[in-house]
Protein backbone atom coordinates (compact mmCIF):
# COMPACT_ATOMS: atom_id res chain seq x y z
CA MET A 1 7.36 -1.99 -66.33
CA LYS A 2 4.63 -4.21 -65.24
CA ARG A 3 6.87 -7.33 -64.62
CA SER A 4 9.37 -4.90 -62.64
CA THR A 5 6.45 -3.67 -60.62
CA GLU A 6 5.67 -7.35 -59.86
CA TRP A 7 9.10 -8.23 -58.95
CA HIS A 8 9.51 -5.34 -56.54
CA SER A 9 5.97 -6.29 -55.11
CA GLY A 10 6.99 -9.81 -54.68
CA LEU A 11 10.23 -9.03 -53.18
CA LEU A 12 8.51 -6.34 -50.67
CA LEU A 13 6.22 -9.32 -49.75
CA LEU A 14 9.28 -11.65 -49.14
CA VAL A 15 10.88 -8.99 -46.90
CA ILE A 16 7.65 -8.41 -44.72
CA THR A 17 7.36 -12.18 -44.66
CA CYS A 18 10.70 -12.66 -43.37
CA CYS A 19 10.32 -9.79 -40.91
CA VAL A 20 7.33 -11.08 -39.66
CA GLN A 21 8.68 -14.52 -39.18
CA VAL A 22 11.89 -12.99 -37.31
CA LEU A 23 9.54 -10.99 -34.94
CA ALA A 24 7.36 -13.94 -34.42
CA GLN A 25 10.22 -16.00 -33.42
CA ALA A 26 11.98 -13.12 -31.27
CA PRO A 27 12.10 -14.00 -27.54
CA ILE A 28 9.47 -12.15 -25.40
CA PRO A 29 11.28 -10.40 -22.58
CA LYS A 30 10.46 -12.33 -19.38
CA GLN A 31 8.76 -10.28 -16.43
CA ALA A 32 11.11 -10.06 -13.81
CA VAL A 33 9.50 -10.59 -10.36
CA ILE A 34 11.01 -10.45 -6.86
CA GLU A 35 8.57 -12.47 -4.57
CA VAL A 36 8.83 -12.31 -0.84
CA PRO A 37 6.59 -14.32 1.80
CA PHE A 38 5.06 -12.23 4.73
CA GLU A 39 3.35 -12.79 7.95
CA LEU A 40 -0.04 -10.97 8.50
CA ILE A 41 -0.27 -10.30 12.17
CA HIS A 42 -3.33 -8.10 13.34
CA GLY A 43 -3.93 -7.14 9.92
CA GLU A 44 -0.04 -5.84 9.68
CA ILE A 45 2.47 -7.06 6.92
CA ILE A 46 5.50 -8.23 8.58
CA VAL A 47 8.71 -9.20 6.74
CA PRO A 48 12.50 -9.98 7.71
CA VAL A 49 14.55 -7.22 6.61
CA THR A 50 18.52 -6.76 6.94
CA VAL A 51 19.99 -3.17 7.14
CA ASN A 52 23.66 -2.76 6.31
CA GLY A 53 23.96 -6.70 6.48
CA ALA A 54 22.72 -6.81 10.22
CA GLY A 55 19.49 -8.54 11.27
CA PRO A 56 17.03 -9.70 10.07
CA PHE A 57 14.67 -7.36 11.77
CA TRP A 58 11.04 -7.72 11.64
CA MET A 59 9.64 -4.53 9.89
CA LEU A 60 6.14 -3.59 8.63
CA LEU A 61 5.22 -2.79 4.97
CA ASP A 62 3.12 0.32 5.38
CA THR A 63 1.96 2.30 2.30
CA GLY A 64 0.65 5.05 4.76
CA VAL A 65 4.23 5.95 5.98
CA ASP A 66 6.41 8.56 4.44
CA PRO A 67 9.45 8.21 4.71
CA SER A 68 10.38 4.88 6.17
CA VAL A 69 10.92 4.33 9.96
CA VAL A 70 13.54 2.54 11.85
CA GLU A 71 13.26 1.71 15.58
CA LEU A 72 15.57 4.00 17.54
CA GLY A 73 17.39 1.11 19.16
CA THR A 74 17.67 -0.74 15.99
CA ALA A 75 19.29 2.39 14.23
CA LYS A 76 21.66 2.72 16.98
CA SER A 77 22.54 -0.96 17.15
CA VAL A 78 23.52 -0.72 13.27
CA GLY A 79 25.35 2.41 13.51
CA LEU A 80 23.19 4.65 11.55
CA LYS A 81 23.86 8.45 11.50
CA ILE A 82 21.22 9.95 13.51
CA ALA A 83 20.16 13.71 13.51
CA VAL A 84 20.80 15.41 16.93
CA LYS A 85 17.43 17.08 17.23
CA GLY A 86 14.25 15.34 16.87
CA HIS A 87 10.62 16.46 15.92
CA GLN A 88 7.13 15.54 16.53
CA GLY A 89 6.30 12.65 14.14
CA ASP A 90 3.01 12.94 12.23
CA GLY A 91 0.30 10.25 12.57
CA GLY A 92 -2.53 9.05 14.66
CA GLY A 93 -2.23 9.24 18.62
CA THR A 94 -1.98 11.89 21.33
CA SER A 95 1.46 11.21 22.68
CA ARG A 96 4.60 13.04 22.08
CA ASN A 97 6.93 10.70 19.99
CA LEU A 98 9.98 12.33 18.43
CA ALA A 99 11.39 11.29 15.46
CA TYR A 100 14.91 11.72 14.23
CA GLU A 101 16.09 12.11 10.56
CA THR A 102 18.34 9.19 9.32
CA SER A 103 18.85 7.07 6.26
CA LEU A 104 19.09 3.25 5.61
CA PRO A 105 22.34 2.88 3.51
CA VAL A 106 21.36 -0.78 2.43
CA VAL A 107 18.12 -2.55 2.96
CA GLN A 108 17.59 -6.11 1.87
CA LEU A 109 14.12 -7.56 1.63
CA GLY A 110 14.19 -11.14 0.10
CA GLY A 111 15.74 -10.81 -3.25
CA LEU A 112 15.30 -7.02 -3.41
CA THR A 113 18.33 -4.59 -2.53
CA ALA A 114 17.65 -1.01 -2.03
CA THR A 115 20.16 1.74 -1.04
CA LYS A 116 19.91 5.12 0.54
CA ILE A 117 16.51 4.84 1.84
CA ASP A 118 15.19 8.01 3.74
CA ALA A 119 13.93 7.21 7.18
CA LEU A 120 13.10 8.55 10.56
CA ALA A 121 14.43 6.97 13.69
CA THR A 122 11.83 6.59 16.42
CA ASP A 123 10.36 4.69 19.49
CA LEU A 124 8.25 1.83 18.23
CA SER A 125 7.84 -0.02 21.47
CA LYS A 126 3.83 0.65 21.45
CA ILE A 127 3.51 -0.86 17.97
CA SER A 128 5.89 -3.93 19.14
CA ALA A 129 3.53 -4.34 22.28
CA ARG A 130 0.42 -4.47 20.20
CA LEU A 131 1.75 -6.98 17.74
CA GLY A 132 3.59 -9.14 20.49
CA ARG A 133 6.74 -9.19 18.38
CA PRO A 134 9.84 -6.62 18.58
CA ILE A 135 9.49 -4.27 15.43
CA GLY A 136 12.73 -2.90 14.00
CA GLY A 137 11.20 -0.58 11.31
CA ILE A 138 8.41 0.15 8.98
CA LEU A 139 9.20 0.26 5.19
CA GLY A 140 7.05 2.98 3.42
CA TYR A 141 7.07 5.38 0.51
CA SER A 142 10.71 6.11 0.42
CA LEU A 143 11.21 2.40 -0.44
CA PHE A 144 7.98 1.92 -2.58
CA LYS A 145 8.32 5.18 -4.94
CA LYS A 146 9.21 4.43 -8.48
CA ARG A 147 8.34 0.77 -7.92
CA ILE A 148 5.65 -1.45 -8.88
CA VAL A 149 4.54 -3.58 -5.68
CA GLN A 150 1.78 -6.22 -5.44
CA ILE A 151 0.75 -7.28 -1.99
CA ASP A 152 -1.19 -10.40 -2.55
CA TYR A 153 -2.98 -11.02 0.69
CA PRO A 154 -4.63 -14.38 0.13
CA ASN A 155 -1.42 -15.90 -0.68
CA LEU A 156 0.72 -13.86 1.67
CA LYS A 157 3.26 -12.73 -0.96
CA VAL A 158 4.76 -9.14 -1.49
CA ARG A 159 5.88 -8.89 -5.40
CA PHE A 160 7.94 -6.25 -6.84
CA TYR A 161 7.53 -5.98 -10.67
CA THR A 162 9.49 -4.38 -13.53
CA ASN A 163 6.18 -3.95 -15.32
CA ALA A 164 2.64 -3.54 -13.86
CA PRO A 165 0.83 -7.01 -14.35
CA SER A 166 -2.62 -6.96 -16.07
CA CYS A 167 -5.95 -7.59 -14.33
CA ALA A 168 -5.60 -11.24 -15.51
CA GLY A 169 -2.12 -11.15 -13.80
CA ALA A 170 -3.29 -13.04 -10.55
CA ALA A 171 -3.24 -16.39 -11.75
CA ASP A 172 -4.68 -17.90 -8.36
CA PHE A 173 -7.92 -16.20 -8.65
CA ARG A 174 -10.54 -18.00 -10.78
CA PRO A 175 -12.44 -16.17 -12.17
CA PRO A 176 -10.72 -12.78 -11.38
CA LYS A 177 -12.55 -9.81 -10.44
CA CYS A 178 -10.51 -6.67 -11.14
CA THR A 179 -10.92 -2.87 -10.54
CA LYS A 180 -8.56 -0.01 -11.08
CA LEU A 181 -8.12 3.44 -9.12
CA SER A 182 -5.92 6.37 -10.14
CA PHE A 183 -4.13 8.26 -7.44
CA ARG A 184 -1.65 11.00 -6.97
CA TYR A 185 0.84 10.93 -4.25
CA LYS A 186 1.32 14.05 -1.81
CA ASN A 187 2.80 12.58 1.40
CA GLU A 188 0.41 9.65 1.13
CA ILE A 189 -1.75 8.03 -1.46
CA LEU A 190 -4.72 10.11 -2.48
CA ALA A 191 -6.93 7.82 -4.71
CA THR A 192 -9.95 8.76 -6.66
CA GLY A 193 -13.00 6.47 -7.81
CA VAL A 194 -14.39 5.79 -4.47
CA THR A 195 -17.76 6.88 -3.02
CA VAL A 196 -19.37 6.87 0.58
CA ASP A 197 -23.24 6.53 0.29
CA GLY A 198 -23.02 7.70 -3.28
CA LYS A 199 -20.75 10.85 -2.71
CA PRO A 200 -17.04 10.75 -4.17
CA VAL A 201 -14.38 10.91 -1.61
CA ILE A 202 -10.56 11.24 -1.54
CA THR A 203 -9.20 7.62 -0.33
CA GLN A 204 -6.01 6.65 1.07
CA VAL A 205 -4.93 3.01 0.65
CA ASP A 206 -3.16 2.05 3.65
CA THR A 207 -1.59 -1.43 4.41
CA GLY A 208 -0.68 -0.09 7.86
CA SER A 209 -4.09 0.23 8.98
CA ASN A 210 -6.03 -2.94 10.25
CA SER A 211 -9.46 -1.43 10.09
CA TYR A 212 -11.99 -2.06 7.18
CA PHE A 213 -12.75 1.50 6.39
CA GLN A 214 -11.94 4.89 8.47
CA LEU A 215 -13.27 8.28 8.04
CA THR A 216 -11.73 11.77 9.20
CA PRO A 217 -13.75 14.15 11.40
CA ALA A 218 -13.72 16.43 8.20
CA ALA A 219 -15.45 13.88 6.10
CA VAL A 220 -18.11 13.03 8.79
CA ASP A 221 -19.17 16.69 8.40
CA LYS A 222 -18.74 16.59 4.50
CA LEU A 223 -20.75 13.59 4.28
CA GLY A 224 -23.40 14.49 6.83
CA LEU A 225 -22.89 11.42 8.89
CA SER A 226 -23.09 13.09 12.54
CA GLU A 227 -26.03 10.67 13.23
CA ASP A 228 -24.17 7.67 12.10
CA VAL A 229 -21.32 8.57 14.40
CA ALA A 230 -23.86 9.20 17.35
CA ARG A 231 -25.05 5.57 16.92
CA ALA A 232 -21.47 4.26 16.75
CA HIS A 233 -19.72 2.54 19.91
CA GLU A 234 -16.49 3.65 21.34
CA SER A 235 -13.33 1.74 20.01
CA SER A 236 -9.46 2.25 20.36
CA SER A 237 -6.35 1.47 18.42
CA VAL A 238 -2.75 2.35 18.30
CA GLY A 239 -1.02 4.82 15.90
CA PHE A 240 2.50 6.20 15.41
CA ASN A 241 1.99 8.81 18.50
CA GLY A 242 0.21 6.16 20.73
CA ASP A 243 -3.41 5.40 21.52
CA LEU A 244 -6.43 6.49 19.54
CA LYS A 245 -10.14 6.64 20.96
CA ASN A 246 -12.50 6.78 18.17
CA ARG A 247 -16.19 5.27 17.45
CA GLU A 248 -17.01 2.26 15.25
CA GLY A 249 -20.23 1.94 13.37
CA SER A 250 -21.06 1.64 9.70
CA VAL A 251 -22.30 3.59 6.69
CA ARG A 252 -25.02 2.61 4.12
CA ASN A 253 -22.60 1.73 1.38
CA VAL A 254 -18.87 2.09 0.19
CA THR A 255 -18.04 1.55 -3.42
CA VAL A 256 -14.37 1.04 -4.36
CA GLY A 257 -14.20 1.24 -8.29
CA SER A 258 -16.73 -1.72 -9.15
CA ILE A 259 -16.32 -3.20 -5.86
CA SER A 260 -19.53 -2.35 -3.58
CA ARG A 261 -20.02 -2.98 0.06
CA ASN A 262 -23.28 -2.49 1.84
CA ASP A 263 -23.27 -1.52 5.64
CA PRO A 264 -19.58 -1.75 6.16
CA THR A 265 -17.81 -1.38 9.33
CA VAL A 266 -16.35 2.14 9.62
CA VAL A 267 -14.06 3.78 12.25
CA PHE A 268 -14.91 7.46 12.85
CA PHE A 269 -11.97 9.28 14.04
CA GLY A 270 -12.54 11.69 16.73
CA MET A 271 -11.30 15.29 16.95
CA GLY A 272 -7.75 15.57 18.45
CA MET A 273 -6.61 12.07 17.43
CA GLY A 274 -4.13 13.34 14.84
CA MET A 275 -6.55 13.02 11.91
CA ASP A 276 -8.06 16.48 11.95
CA LYS A 277 -6.04 18.02 8.88
CA GLU A 278 -5.67 15.06 6.57
CA LEU A 279 -5.94 15.56 2.74
CA TRP A 280 -8.07 12.36 2.46
CA ASP A 281 -11.60 11.56 3.66
CA LEU A 282 -11.70 7.69 3.69
CA ARG A 283 -8.75 5.43 4.51
CA ILE A 284 -8.99 1.80 3.24
CA GLY A 285 -7.22 -0.68 5.55
CA SER A 286 -6.31 -4.40 5.59
CA ALA A 287 -9.66 -5.64 6.66
CA PHE A 288 -10.88 -4.80 3.45
CA LEU A 289 -7.81 -5.32 1.37
CA LYS A 290 -7.07 -9.04 2.60
CA ASP A 291 -9.35 -10.22 -0.08
CA PHE A 292 -7.23 -9.09 -2.92
CA ALA A 293 -3.97 -8.92 -4.74
CA VAL A 294 -3.15 -5.11 -4.47
CA THR A 295 -0.90 -3.85 -7.04
CA LEU A 296 0.52 -0.35 -6.43
CA ASP A 297 2.09 1.19 -9.56
CA PHE A 298 3.84 4.07 -8.15
CA ARG A 299 5.42 5.00 -11.49
CA HIS A 300 2.04 5.50 -13.07
CA GLY A 301 -0.20 6.32 -10.22
CA GLN A 302 -2.49 3.43 -10.42
CA ILE A 303 -3.77 0.89 -7.84
CA THR A 304 -5.31 -2.39 -9.01
CA LEU A 305 -7.35 -4.73 -6.88
CA THR A 306 -7.75 -8.31 -8.02
CA GLY A 307 -9.62 -10.80 -6.03
CA ALA A 308 -12.27 -13.57 -6.01
CA LEU A 309 -15.88 -13.16 -6.73
CA ASN A 310 -16.82 -14.38 -3.30
CA PRO A 311 -14.67 -12.56 -0.76
CA GLN A 312 -14.16 -13.32 2.66
CA SER A 313 -16.71 -11.74 5.08
CA HIS A 314 -15.36 -8.97 7.02
CA PRO A 315 -15.38 -8.46 10.93
């Protein structure tokens, strides 16, 4: 019996060893990555995109847009089916800009091909004028949903991953500095893990905003920042519905995960500028994001910021 037991034990050890060797020699699935270069103009991410084989058209990548948007003239030129009746589009600005429901049958962005992308057709002439380039559309959540997207600002690359990269995944950063935020999606990204002057705020991460930080009128009241607004100077910008008139100043501190900024530039939205009923308090724009590779995992609701220890100074 003892010898039999020893034989079975030896056989079991042999089987385990063989299995370990087989597993060790098994090829590791390679991470599939689609990489697309982009231009950064006035803080906006611009890429060439084809729609139904037509184009390319210059389009923005904007995490603050849902659904995607196609310029009305572009939609007509490629023969998209457009709803007869338009409705007032959401977004900043005081003008009336009607949007018409449509769909993008086939969109190609570098090596990425996406089909049946929900969209709105509308006039983008004011955004085109601000950027000095005809803009054919804005790719937003209807493209990003269920995808893992990394916007590498320092290297001007957008990447689409099959699996979310780790904090050490941005090999160009030495040494890496990484922080993670959780978010839920309800018409826009609503992230947690951010504070303003030590108070937690609901945060939107918006690659379509070229500001550093922005606060809604409700957040100003919530955070007791009326005196900071009074000291701020007037500023203007362009939103989906035209011009916005706000005030620009600073707060004592904004902390994003483990990343802290003292006396950062902040835009305080004015009442009636289209930001009175937002679900978020603070918006993070590209003036802050430009120092990082920003990974947005829409499958699992997680944002990762990976960047250098000594980021570029903000405006």
